[in-house]
Amino acid sequence: MSKKERRSYDKSFKLMAVELHRSGKPAGTVAKELGIGVDMVRRWSREYGVHDTRSFPGNGKQDLTPEQKEIQTLKKALQEAEMENRILKKAVSIFSREDNKCSGS
């Protein structure tokens, strides 16, 4: 069995394919002209329709709005604070158990 090499396309190529498709050419025709799959043209067009200029950031990176970046940062800070809180609760319970052992009860 041979492994297919995964091809990658840059943002300008994807935008060109989307523009051709949006200009009225069928996805099958665009795909055949560019040598790519029909599903890719449809997926890129759908993604462009949803994200517009933030489409195709590259290499799995998300192109977030400033508000989305702030939300992501705040969520990360909240998770860290919750983890610290859990650790401190465990530490308090461990130290309170050790205090009872030393008290001679």
PDB file of N, CA and C in Angstrom:
ATOM      1  N   MET A   1       0.831  -1.177   0.000  1.00  0.00           N
ATOM      2  CA  MET A   1       0.000   0.000   0.000  1.00  0.00           C
ATOM      3  C   MET A   1       0.878   1.245   0.000  1.00  0.00           C
ATOM      4  N   SER A   2       0.534   2.170  -0.814  1.00  0.00           N
ATOM      5  CA  SER A   2       1.292   3.413  -0.864  1.00  0.00           C
ATOM      6  C   SER A   2       0.526   4.500  -0.124  1.00  0.00           C
ATOM      7  N   LYS A   3       1.272   5.324   0.548  1.00  0.00           N
ATOM      8  CA  LYS A   3       0.655   6.443   1.268  1.00  0.00           C
ATOM      9  C   LYS A   3       0.526   7.617   0.325  1.00  0.00           C
ATOM     10  N   LYS A   4      -0.646   8.230   0.323  1.00  0.00           N
ATOM     11  CA  LYS A   4      -0.832   9.433  -0.467  1.00  0.00           C
ATOM     12  C   LYS A   4      -0.216  10.603   0.271  1.00  0.00           C
ATOM     13  N   GLU A   5       0.525  11.413  -0.459  1.00  0.00           N
ATOM     14  CA  GLU A   5       1.091  12.594   0.163  1.00  0.00           C
ATOM     15  C   GLU A   5       0.016  13.661   0.263  1.00  0.00           C
ATOM     16  N   ARG A   6      -0.104  14.230   1.426  1.00  0.00           N
ATOM     17  CA  ARG A   6      -1.106  15.259   1.654  1.00  0.00           C
ATOM     18  C   ARG A   6      -0.638  16.565   1.036  1.00  0.00           C
ATOM     19  N   ARG A   7      -1.465  17.105   0.170  1.00  0.00           N
ATOM     20  CA  ARG A   7      -1.115  18.353  -0.492  1.00  0.00           C
ATOM     21  C   ARG A   7      -1.669  19.524   0.309  1.00  0.00           C
ATOM     22  N   SER A   8      -0.923  20.611   0.292  1.00  0.00           N
ATOM     23  CA  SER A   8      -1.403  21.810   0.969  1.00  0.00           C
ATOM     24  C   SER A   8      -1.481  22.946  -0.045  1.00  0.00           C
ATOM     25  N   TYR A   9      -2.418  23.828   0.177  1.00  0.00           N
ATOM     26  CA  TYR A   9      -2.657  24.942  -0.731  1.00  0.00           C
ATOM     27  C   TYR A   9      -2.584  26.238   0.054  1.00  0.00           C
ATOM     28  N   ASP A  10      -1.974  27.237  -0.546  1.00  0.00           N
ATOM     29  CA  ASP A  10      -1.868  28.509   0.154  1.00  0.00           C
ATOM     30  C   ASP A  10      -3.180  29.286   0.065  1.00  0.00           C
ATOM     31  N   LYS A  11      -3.249  30.344   0.852  1.00  0.00           N
ATOM     32  CA  LYS A  11      -4.481  31.125   0.971  1.00  0.00           C
ATOM     33  C   LYS A  11      -4.898  31.732  -0.363  1.00  0.00           C
ATOM     34  N   SER A  12      -3.955  32.212  -1.144  1.00  0.00           N
ATOM     35  CA  SER A  12      -4.300  32.845  -2.424  1.00  0.00           C
ATOM     36  C   SER A  12      -4.918  31.839  -3.397  1.00  0.00           C
ATOM     37  N   PHE A  13      -4.414  30.604  -3.392  1.00  0.00           N
ATOM     38  CA  PHE A  13      -4.983  29.570  -4.256  1.00  0.00           C
ATOM     39  C   PHE A  13      -6.426  29.266  -3.847  1.00  0.00           C
ATOM     40  N   LYS A  14      -6.645  29.145  -2.551  1.00  0.00           N
ATOM     41  CA  LYS A  14      -7.992  28.857  -2.054  1.00  0.00           C
ATOM     42  C   LYS A  14      -8.954  29.993  -2.384  1.00  0.00           C
ATOM     43  N   LEU A  15      -8.491  31.230  -2.202  1.00  0.00           N
ATOM     44  CA  LEU A  15      -9.336  32.382  -2.519  1.00  0.00           C
ATOM     45  C   LEU A  15      -9.663  32.429  -4.010  1.00  0.00           C
ATOM     46  N   MET A  16      -8.691  32.077  -4.857  1.00  0.00           N
ATOM     47  CA  MET A  16      -8.937  32.058  -6.295  1.00  0.00           C
ATOM     48  C   MET A  16     -10.004  31.012  -6.633  1.00  0.00           C
ATOM     49  N   ALA A  17      -9.894  29.842  -6.021  1.00  0.00           N
ATOM     50  CA  ALA A  17     -10.878  28.782  -6.264  1.00  0.00           C
ATOM     51  C   ALA A  17     -12.269  29.229  -5.808  1.00  0.00           C
ATOM     52  N   VAL A  18     -12.349  29.877  -4.672  1.00  0.00           N
ATOM     53  CA  VAL A  18     -13.632  30.357  -4.148  1.00  0.00           C
ATOM     54  C   VAL A  18     -14.214  31.421  -5.070  1.00  0.00           C
ATOM     55  N   GLU A  19     -13.383  32.341  -5.517  1.00  0.00           N
ATOM     56  CA  GLU A  19     -13.873  33.401  -6.408  1.00  0.00           C
ATOM     57  C   GLU A  19     -14.386  32.827  -7.722  1.00  0.00           C
ATOM     58  N   LEU A  20     -13.683  31.841  -8.264  1.00  0.00           N
ATOM     59  CA  LEU A  20     -14.154  31.196  -9.492  1.00  0.00           C
ATOM     60  C   LEU A  20     -15.510  30.538  -9.265  1.00  0.00           C
ATOM     61  N   HIS A  21     -15.641  29.876  -8.140  1.00  0.00           N
ATOM     62  CA  HIS A  21     -16.892  29.191  -7.822  1.00  0.00           C
ATOM     63  C   HIS A  21     -18.012  30.201  -7.587  1.00  0.00           C
ATOM     64  N   ARG A  22     -17.717  31.282  -6.892  1.00  0.00           N
ATOM     65  CA  ARG A  22     -18.740  32.292  -6.598  1.00  0.00           C
ATOM     66  C   ARG A  22     -19.112  33.126  -7.819  1.00  0.00           C
ATOM     67  N   SER A  23     -18.242  33.124  -8.833  1.00  0.00           N
ATOM     68  CA  SER A  23     -18.552  33.887 -10.045  1.00  0.00           C
ATOM     69  C   SER A  23     -19.581  33.176 -10.919  1.00  0.00           C
ATOM     70  N   GLY A  24     -19.948  31.964 -10.523  1.00  0.00           N
ATOM     71  CA  GLY A  24     -20.995  31.262 -11.247  1.00  0.00           C
ATOM     72  C   GLY A  24     -20.560  29.943 -11.857  1.00  0.00           C
ATOM     73  N   LYS A  25     -19.267  29.653 -11.812  1.00  0.00           N
ATOM     74  CA  LYS A  25     -18.805  28.370 -12.344  1.00  0.00           C
ATOM     75  C   LYS A  25     -19.192  27.256 -11.378  1.00  0.00           C
ATOM     76  N   PRO A  26     -19.630  26.123 -11.898  1.00  0.00           N
ATOM     77  CA  PRO A  26     -19.939  24.995 -11.019  1.00  0.00           C
ATOM     78  C   PRO A  26     -18.682  24.482 -10.310  1.00  0.00           C
ATOM     79  N   ALA A  27     -18.870  23.948  -9.131  1.00  0.00           N
ATOM     80  CA  ALA A  27     -17.744  23.456  -8.338  1.00  0.00           C
ATOM     81  C   ALA A  27     -16.965  22.386  -9.094  1.00  0.00           C
ATOM     82  N   GLY A  28     -17.664  21.545  -9.833  1.00  0.00           N
ATOM     83  CA  GLY A  28     -16.995  20.487 -10.603  1.00  0.00           C
ATOM     84  C   GLY A  28     -16.069  21.045 -11.661  1.00  0.00           C
ATOM     85  N   THR A  29     -16.491  22.099 -12.330  1.00  0.00           N
ATOM     86  CA  THR A  29     -15.665  22.725 -13.363  1.00  0.00           C
ATOM     87  C   THR A  29     -14.433  23.379 -12.752  1.00  0.00           C
ATOM     88  N   VAL A  30     -14.636  24.098 -11.659  1.00  0.00           N
ATOM     89  CA  VAL A  30     -13.512  24.753 -10.976  1.00  0.00           C
ATOM     90  C   VAL A  30     -12.515  23.695 -10.505  1.00  0.00           C
ATOM     91  N   ALA A  31     -13.023  22.625  -9.925  1.00  0.00           N
ATOM     92  CA  ALA A  31     -12.158  21.567  -9.408  1.00  0.00           C
ATOM     93  C   ALA A  31     -11.345  20.934 -10.536  1.00  0.00           C
ATOM     94  N   LYS A  32     -11.981  20.679 -11.656  1.00  0.00           N
ATOM     95  CA  LYS A  32     -11.288  20.052 -12.786  1.00  0.00           C
ATOM     96  C   LYS A  32     -10.208  20.987 -13.331  1.00  0.00           C
ATOM     97  N   GLU A  33     -10.517  22.277 -13.459  1.00  0.00           N
ATOM     98  CA  GLU A  33      -9.546  23.240 -13.981  1.00  0.00           C
ATOM     99  C   GLU A  33      -8.325  23.370 -13.069  1.00  0.00           C
ATOM    100  N   LEU A  34      -8.556  23.308 -11.764  1.00  0.00           N
ATOM    101  CA  LEU A  34      -7.464  23.500 -10.800  1.00  0.00           C
ATOM    102  C   LEU A  34      -6.805  22.197 -10.361  1.00  0.00           C
ATOM    103  N   GLY A  35      -7.394  21.080 -10.745  1.00  0.00           N
ATOM    104  CA  GLY A  35      -6.811  19.792 -10.380  1.00  0.00           C
ATOM    105  C   GLY A  35      -6.985  19.433  -8.920  1.00  0.00           C
ATOM    106  N   ILE A  36      -8.112  19.797  -8.363  1.00  0.00           N
ATOM    107  CA  ILE A  36      -8.406  19.479  -6.967  1.00  0.00           C
ATOM    108  C   ILE A  36      -9.768  18.798  -6.890  1.00  0.00           C
ATOM    109  N   GLY A  37     -10.137  18.350  -5.701  1.00  0.00           N
ATOM    110  CA  GLY A  37     -11.411  17.679  -5.514  1.00  0.00           C
ATOM    111  C   GLY A  37     -12.579  18.652  -5.440  1.00  0.00           C
ATOM    112  N   VAL A  38     -13.724  18.187  -5.891  1.00  0.00           N
ATOM    113  CA  VAL A  38     -14.946  19.003  -5.859  1.00  0.00           C
ATOM    114  C   VAL A  38     -15.306  19.352  -4.415  1.00  0.00           C
ATOM    115  N   ASP A  39     -15.134  18.388  -3.533  1.00  0.00           N
ATOM    116  CA  ASP A  39     -15.464  18.622  -2.124  1.00  0.00           C
ATOM    117  C   ASP A  39     -14.630  19.761  -1.524  1.00  0.00           C
ATOM    118  N   MET A  40     -13.383  19.873  -1.975  1.00  0.00           N
ATOM    119  CA  MET A  40     -12.528  20.941  -1.443  1.00  0.00           C
ATOM    120  C   MET A  40     -13.066  22.305  -1.851  1.00  0.00           C
ATOM    121  N   VAL A  41     -13.475  22.423  -3.111  1.00  0.00           N
ATOM    122  CA  VAL A  41     -14.010  23.701  -3.586  1.00  0.00           C
ATOM    123  C   VAL A  41     -15.249  24.069  -2.783  1.00  0.00           C
ATOM    124  N   ARG A  42     -16.121  23.098  -2.575  1.00  0.00           N
ATOM    125  CA  ARG A  42     -17.348  23.356  -1.817  1.00  0.00           C
ATOM    126  C   ARG A  42     -17.037  23.726  -0.370  1.00  0.00           C
ATOM    127  N   ARG A  43     -16.087  23.008   0.239  1.00  0.00           N
ATOM    128  CA  ARG A  43     -15.731  23.276   1.638  1.00  0.00           C
ATOM    129  C   ARG A  43     -15.102  24.657   1.775  1.00  0.00           C
ATOM    130  N   TRP A  44     -14.195  24.999   0.863  1.00  0.00           N
ATOM    131  CA  TRP A  44     -13.565  26.312   0.912  1.00  0.00           C
ATOM    132  C   TRP A  44     -14.597  27.421   0.712  1.00  0.00           C
ATOM    133  N   SER A  45     -15.530  27.222  -0.188  1.00  0.00           N
ATOM    134  CA  SER A  45     -16.575  28.222  -0.417  1.00  0.00           C
ATOM    135  C   SER A  45     -17.445  28.393   0.820  1.00  0.00           C
ATOM    136  N   ARG A  46     -17.779  27.274   1.453  1.00  0.00           N
ATOM    137  CA  ARG A  46     -18.600  27.323   2.670  1.00  0.00           C
ATOM    138  C   ARG A  46     -17.838  28.038   3.791  1.00  0.00           C
ATOM    139  N   GLU A  47     -16.554  27.709   3.943  1.00  0.00           N
ATOM    140  CA  GLU A  47     -15.748  28.344   4.984  1.00  0.00           C
ATOM    141  C   GLU A  47     -15.609  29.843   4.717  1.00  0.00           C
ATOM    142  N   TYR A  48     -15.416  30.205   3.457  1.00  0.00           N
ATOM    143  CA  TYR A  48     -15.310  31.622   3.117  1.00  0.00           C
ATOM    144  C   TYR A  48     -16.622  32.345   3.401  1.00  0.00           C
ATOM    145  N   GLY A  49     -17.739  31.684   3.169  1.00  0.00           N
ATOM    146  CA  GLY A  49     -19.041  32.272   3.440  1.00  0.00           C
ATOM    147  C   GLY A  49     -19.263  32.535   4.918  1.00  0.00           C
ATOM    148  N   VAL A  50     -18.705  31.687   5.761  1.00  0.00           N
ATOM    149  CA  VAL A  50     -18.884  31.831   7.207  1.00  0.00           C
ATOM    150  C   VAL A  50     -17.887  32.828   7.792  1.00  0.00           C
ATOM    151  N   HIS A  51     -16.612  32.712   7.413  1.00  0.00           N
ATOM    152  CA  HIS A  51     -15.553  33.500   8.051  1.00  0.00           C
ATOM    153  C   HIS A  51     -15.062  34.678   7.223  1.00  0.00           C
ATOM    154  N   ASP A  52     -15.422  34.754   5.972  1.00  0.00           N
ATOM    155  CA  ASP A  52     -15.048  35.840   5.061  1.00  0.00           C
ATOM    156  C   ASP A  52     -13.542  36.079   5.073  1.00  0.00           C
ATOM    157  N   THR A  53     -13.089  37.230   5.491  1.00  0.00           N
ATOM    158  CA  THR A  53     -11.671  37.573   5.383  1.00  0.00           C
ATOM    159  C   THR A  53     -10.796  36.794   6.359  1.00  0.00           C
ATOM    160  N   ARG A  54     -11.382  36.214   7.405  1.00  0.00           N
ATOM    161  CA  ARG A  54     -10.604  35.431   8.371  1.00  0.00           C
ATOM    162  C   ARG A  54     -10.467  33.976   7.939  1.00  0.00           C
ATOM    163  N   SER A  55     -10.907  33.630   6.737  1.00  0.00           N
ATOM    164  CA  SER A  55     -10.809  32.262   6.246  1.00  0.00           C
ATOM    165  C   SER A  55      -9.362  31.906   5.912  1.00  0.00           C
ATOM    166  N   PHE A  56      -9.065  30.636   6.016  1.00  0.00           N
ATOM    167  CA  PHE A  56      -7.782  30.057   5.601  1.00  0.00           C
ATOM    168  C   PHE A  56      -6.570  30.689   6.284  1.00  0.00           C
ATOM    169  N   PRO A  57      -6.515  30.689   7.619  1.00  0.00           N
ATOM    170  CA  PRO A  57      -5.369  31.288   8.298  1.00  0.00           C
ATOM    171  C   PRO A  57      -4.088  30.480   8.110  1.00  0.00           C
ATOM    172  N   GLY A  58      -4.197  29.169   7.859  1.00  0.00           N
ATOM    173  CA  GLY A  58      -3.025  28.349   7.588  1.00  0.00           C
ATOM    174  C   GLY A  58      -2.570  27.512   8.763  1.00  0.00           C
ATOM    175  N   ASN A  59      -2.132  26.301   8.460  1.00  0.00           N
ATOM    176  CA  ASN A  59      -1.547  25.362   9.417  1.00  0.00           C
ATOM    177  C   ASN A  59      -2.379  25.145  10.679  1.00  0.00           C
ATOM    178  N   GLY A  60      -3.676  25.111  10.544  1.00  0.00           N
ATOM    179  CA  GLY A  60      -4.547  24.825  11.668  1.00  0.00           C
ATOM    180  C   GLY A  60      -4.668  25.935  12.685  1.00  0.00           C
ATOM    181  N   LYS A  61      -4.142  27.079  12.383  1.00  0.00           N
ATOM    182  CA  LYS A  61      -4.232  28.205  13.312  1.00  0.00           C
ATOM    183  C   LYS A  61      -5.583  28.876  13.148  1.00  0.00           C
ATOM    184  N   GLN A  62      -6.117  29.332  14.251  1.00  0.00           N
ATOM    185  CA  GLN A  62      -7.373  30.054  14.199  1.00  0.00           C
ATOM    186  C   GLN A  62      -7.086  31.541  14.057  1.00  0.00           C
ATOM    187  N   ASP A  63      -7.840  32.193  13.215  1.00  0.00           N
ATOM    188  CA  ASP A  63      -7.734  33.638  13.088  1.00  0.00           C
ATOM    189  C   ASP A  63      -8.900  34.229  13.870  1.00  0.00           C
ATOM    190  N   LEU A  64      -8.609  34.629  15.092  1.00  0.00           N
ATOM    191  CA  LEU A  64      -9.656  35.070  16.001  1.00  0.00           C
ATOM    192  C   LEU A  64      -9.800  36.588  16.004  1.00  0.00           C
ATOM    193  N   THR A  65     -11.013  37.034  16.288  1.00  0.00           N
ATOM    194  CA  THR A  65     -11.247  38.462  16.474  1.00  0.00           C
ATOM    195  C   THR A  65     -10.657  38.854  17.832  1.00  0.00           C
ATOM    196  N   PRO A  66     -10.435  40.132  18.071  1.00  0.00           N
ATOM    197  CA  PRO A  66      -9.889  40.545  19.376  1.00  0.00           C
ATOM    198  C   PRO A  66     -10.762  40.080  20.554  1.00  0.00           C
ATOM    199  N   GLU A  67     -12.078  40.097  20.365  1.00  0.00           N
ATOM    200  CA  GLU A  67     -12.975  39.641  21.433  1.00  0.00           C
ATOM    201  C   GLU A  67     -12.791  38.149  21.694  1.00  0.00           C
ATOM    202  N   GLN A  68     -12.651  37.360  20.626  1.00  0.00           N
ATOM    203  CA  GLN A  68     -12.457  35.922  20.783  1.00  0.00           C
ATOM    204  C   GLN A  68     -11.118  35.628  21.453  1.00  0.00           C
ATOM    205  N   LYS A  69     -10.078  36.407  21.114  1.00  0.00           N
ATOM    206  CA  LYS A  69      -8.774  36.231  21.745  1.00  0.00           C
ATOM    207  C   LYS A  69      -8.864  36.526  23.242  1.00  0.00           C
ATOM    208  N   GLU A  70      -9.600  37.588  23.593  1.00  0.00           N
ATOM    209  CA  GLU A  70      -9.753  37.949  25.002  1.00  0.00           C
ATOM    210  C   GLU A  70     -10.509  36.860  25.755  1.00  0.00           C
ATOM    211  N   ILE A  71     -11.568  36.332  25.147  1.00  0.00           N
ATOM    212  CA  ILE A  71     -12.336  35.252  25.771  1.00  0.00           C
ATOM    213  C   ILE A  71     -11.452  34.040  25.985  1.00  0.00           C
ATOM    214  N   GLN A  72     -10.629  33.695  24.979  1.00  0.00           N
ATOM    215  CA  GLN A  72      -9.740  32.550  25.092  1.00  0.00           C
ATOM    216  C   GLN A  72      -8.733  32.749  26.228  1.00  0.00           C
ATOM    217  N   THR A  73      -8.187  33.963  26.343  1.00  0.00           N
ATOM    218  CA  THR A  73      -7.240  34.274  27.408  1.00  0.00           C
ATOM    219  C   THR A  73      -7.909  34.183  28.773  1.00  0.00           C
ATOM    220  N   LEU A  74      -9.118  34.718  28.880  1.00  0.00           N
ATOM    221  CA  LEU A  74      -9.836  34.675  30.157  1.00  0.00           C
ATOM    222  C   LEU A  74     -10.200  33.246  30.552  1.00  0.00           C
ATOM    223  N   LYS A  75     -10.587  32.426  29.581  1.00  0.00           N
ATOM    224  CA  LYS A  75     -10.899  31.027  29.874  1.00  0.00           C
ATOM    225  C   LYS A  75      -9.666  30.296  30.391  1.00  0.00           C
ATOM    226  N   LYS A  76      -8.525  30.565  29.778  1.00  0.00           N
ATOM    227  CA  LYS A  76      -7.280  29.921  30.221  1.00  0.00           C
ATOM    228  C   LYS A  76      -6.935  30.350  31.643  1.00  0.00           C
ATOM    229  N   ALA A  77      -7.092  31.648  31.940  1.00  0.00           N
ATOM    230  CA  ALA A  77      -6.804  32.149  33.285  1.00  0.00           C
ATOM    231  C   ALA A  77      -7.761  31.539  34.308  1.00  0.00           C
ATOM    232  N   LEU A  78      -9.019  31.384  33.940  1.00  0.00           N
ATOM    233  CA  LEU A  78      -9.996  30.777  34.834  1.00  0.00           C
ATOM    234  C   LEU A  78      -9.643  29.320  35.127  1.00  0.00           C
ATOM    235  N   GLN A  79      -9.249  28.580  34.107  1.00  0.00           N
ATOM    236  CA  GLN A  79      -8.865  27.180  34.312  1.00  0.00           C
ATOM    237  C   GLN A  79      -7.671  27.074  35.253  1.00  0.00           C
ATOM    238  N   GLU A  80      -6.680  27.960  35.084  1.00  0.00           N
ATOM    239  CA  GLU A  80      -5.509  27.940  35.961  1.00  0.00           C
ATOM    240  C   GLU A  80      -5.900  28.261  37.395  1.00  0.00           C
ATOM    241  N   ALA A  81      -6.782  29.241  37.583  1.00  0.00           N
ATOM    242  CA  ALA A  81      -7.220  29.612  38.933  1.00  0.00           C
ATOM    243  C   ALA A  81      -7.996  28.471  39.583  1.00  0.00           C
ATOM    244  N   GLU A  82      -8.850  27.790  38.807  1.00  0.00           N
ATOM    245  CA  GLU A  82      -9.601  26.663  39.346  1.00  0.00           C
ATOM    246  C   GLU A  82      -8.669  25.523  39.736  1.00  0.00           C
ATOM    247  N   MET A  83      -7.623  25.286  38.923  1.00  0.00           N
ATOM    248  CA  MET A  83      -6.668  24.228  39.242  1.00  0.00           C
ATOM    249  C   MET A  83      -5.904  24.576  40.523  1.00  0.00           C
ATOM    250  N   GLU A  84      -5.470  25.824  40.661  1.00  0.00           N
ATOM    251  CA  GLU A  84      -4.779  26.255  41.877  1.00  0.00           C
ATOM    252  C   GLU A  84      -5.682  26.096  43.094  1.00  0.00           C
ATOM    253  N   ASN A  85      -6.956  26.420  42.932  1.00  0.00           N
ATOM    254  CA  ASN A  85      -7.924  26.289  44.017  1.00  0.00           C
ATOM    255  C   ASN A  85      -8.047  24.825  44.456  1.00  0.00           C
ATOM    256  N   ARG A  86      -8.149  23.901  43.492  1.00  0.00           N
ATOM    257  CA  ARG A  86      -8.243  22.468  43.823  1.00  0.00           C
ATOM    258  C   ARG A  86      -6.990  21.998  44.556  1.00  0.00           C
ATOM    259  N   ILE A  87      -5.831  22.445  44.084  1.00  0.00           N
ATOM    260  CA  ILE A  87      -4.563  22.049  44.723  1.00  0.00           C
ATOM    261  C   ILE A  87      -4.516  22.564  46.157  1.00  0.00           C
ATOM    262  N   LEU A  88      -4.922  23.814  46.363  1.00  0.00           N
ATOM    263  CA  LEU A  88      -4.903  24.377  47.718  1.00  0.00           C
ATOM    264  C   LEU A  88      -5.882  23.649  48.642  1.00  0.00           C
ATOM    265  N   LYS A  89      -7.043  23.275  48.133  1.00  0.00           N
ATOM    266  CA  LYS A  89      -8.007  22.527  48.951  1.00  0.00           C
ATOM    267  C   LYS A  89      -7.423  21.185  49.372  1.00  0.00           C
ATOM    268  N   LYS A  90      -6.754  20.509  48.447  1.00  0.00           N
ATOM    269  CA  LYS A  90      -6.137  19.218  48.776  1.00  0.00           C
ATOM    270  C   LYS A  90      -5.035  19.407  49.806  1.00  0.00           C
ATOM    271  N   ALA A  91      -4.245  20.466  49.636  1.00  0.00           N
ATOM    272  CA  ALA A  91      -3.155  20.721  50.577  1.00  0.00           C
ATOM    273  C   ALA A  91      -3.704  20.994  51.976  1.00  0.00           C
ATOM    274  N   VAL A  92      -4.774  21.758  52.076  1.00  0.00           N
ATOM    275  CA  VAL A  92      -5.377  22.061  53.379  1.00  0.00           C
ATOM    276  C   VAL A  92      -5.870  20.772  54.038  1.00  0.00           C
ATOM    277  N   SER A  93      -6.512  19.914  53.253  1.00  0.00           N
ATOM    278  CA  SER A  93      -7.015  18.662  53.844  1.00  0.00           C
ATOM    279  C   SER A  93      -5.862  17.763  54.291  1.00  0.00           C
ATOM    280  N   ILE A  94      -4.779  17.734  53.544  1.00  0.00           N
ATOM    281  CA  ILE A  94      -3.628  16.908  53.925  1.00  0.00           C
ATOM    282  C   ILE A  94      -2.991  17.451  55.204  1.00  0.00           C
ATOM    283  N   PHE A  95      -2.782  18.766  55.274  1.00  0.00           N
ATOM    284  CA  PHE A  95      -2.146  19.345  56.460  1.00  0.00           C
ATOM    285  C   PHE A  95      -3.054  19.271  57.677  1.00  0.00           C
ATOM    286  N   SER A  96      -4.357  19.347  57.490  1.00  0.00           N
ATOM    287  CA  SER A  96      -5.245  19.266  58.650  1.00  0.00           C
ATOM    288  C   SER A  96      -5.266  17.835  59.193  1.00  0.00           C
ATOM    289  N   ARG A  97      -5.127  16.829  58.339  1.00  0.00           N
ATOM    290  CA  ARG A  97      -5.037  15.438  58.797  1.00  0.00           C
ATOM    291  C   ARG A  97      -3.757  15.217  59.570  1.00  0.00           C
ATOM    292  N   GLU A  98      -2.650  15.787  59.119  1.00  0.00           N
ATOM    293  CA  GLU A  98      -1.374  15.617  59.817  1.00  0.00           C
ATOM    294  C   GLU A  98      -1.399  16.311  61.165  1.00  0.00           C
ATOM    295  N   ASP A  99      -2.103  17.424  61.282  1.00  0.00           N
ATOM    296  CA  ASP A  99      -2.191  18.113  62.568  1.00  0.00           C
ATOM    297  C   ASP A  99      -2.899  17.256  63.605  1.00  0.00           C
ATOM    298  N   ASN A 100      -3.928  16.501  63.190  1.00  0.00           N
ATOM    299  CA  ASN A 100      -4.661  15.639  64.106  1.00  0.00           C
ATOM    300  C   ASN A 100      -3.793  14.488  64.591  1.00  0.00           C
ATOM    301  N   LYS A 101      -2.898  13.982  63.760  1.00  0.00           N
ATOM    302  CA  LYS A 101      -2.017  12.859  64.147  1.00  0.00           C
ATOM    303  C   LYS A 101      -1.022  13.303  65.199  1.00  0.00           C
ATOM    304  N   CYS A 102      -0.520  14.525  65.075  1.00  0.00           N
ATOM    305  CA  CYS A 102       0.509  15.019  65.986  1.00  0.00           C
ATOM    306  C   CYS A 102      -0.068  15.485  67.326  1.00  0.00           C
ATOM    307  N   SER A 103      -1.373  15.691  67.392  1.00  0.00           N
ATOM    308  CA  SER A 103      -1.967  16.237  68.612  1.00  0.00           C
ATOM    309  C   SER A 103      -2.105  15.181  69.713  1.00  0.00           C
ATOM    310  N   GLY A 104      -1.788  13.927  69.398  1.00  0.00           N
ATOM    311  CA  GLY A 104      -1.804  12.884  70.420  1.00  0.00           C
ATOM    312  C   GLY A 104      -3.178  12.321  70.664  1.00  0.00           C
ATOM    313  N   SER A 105      -4.088  12.419  69.693  1.00  0.00           N
ATOM    314  CA  SER A 105      -5.416  11.881  69.925  1.00  0.00           C
ATOM    315  C   SER A 105      -5.541  10.430  69.639  1.00  0.00           C
TER     316      SER A 105
END
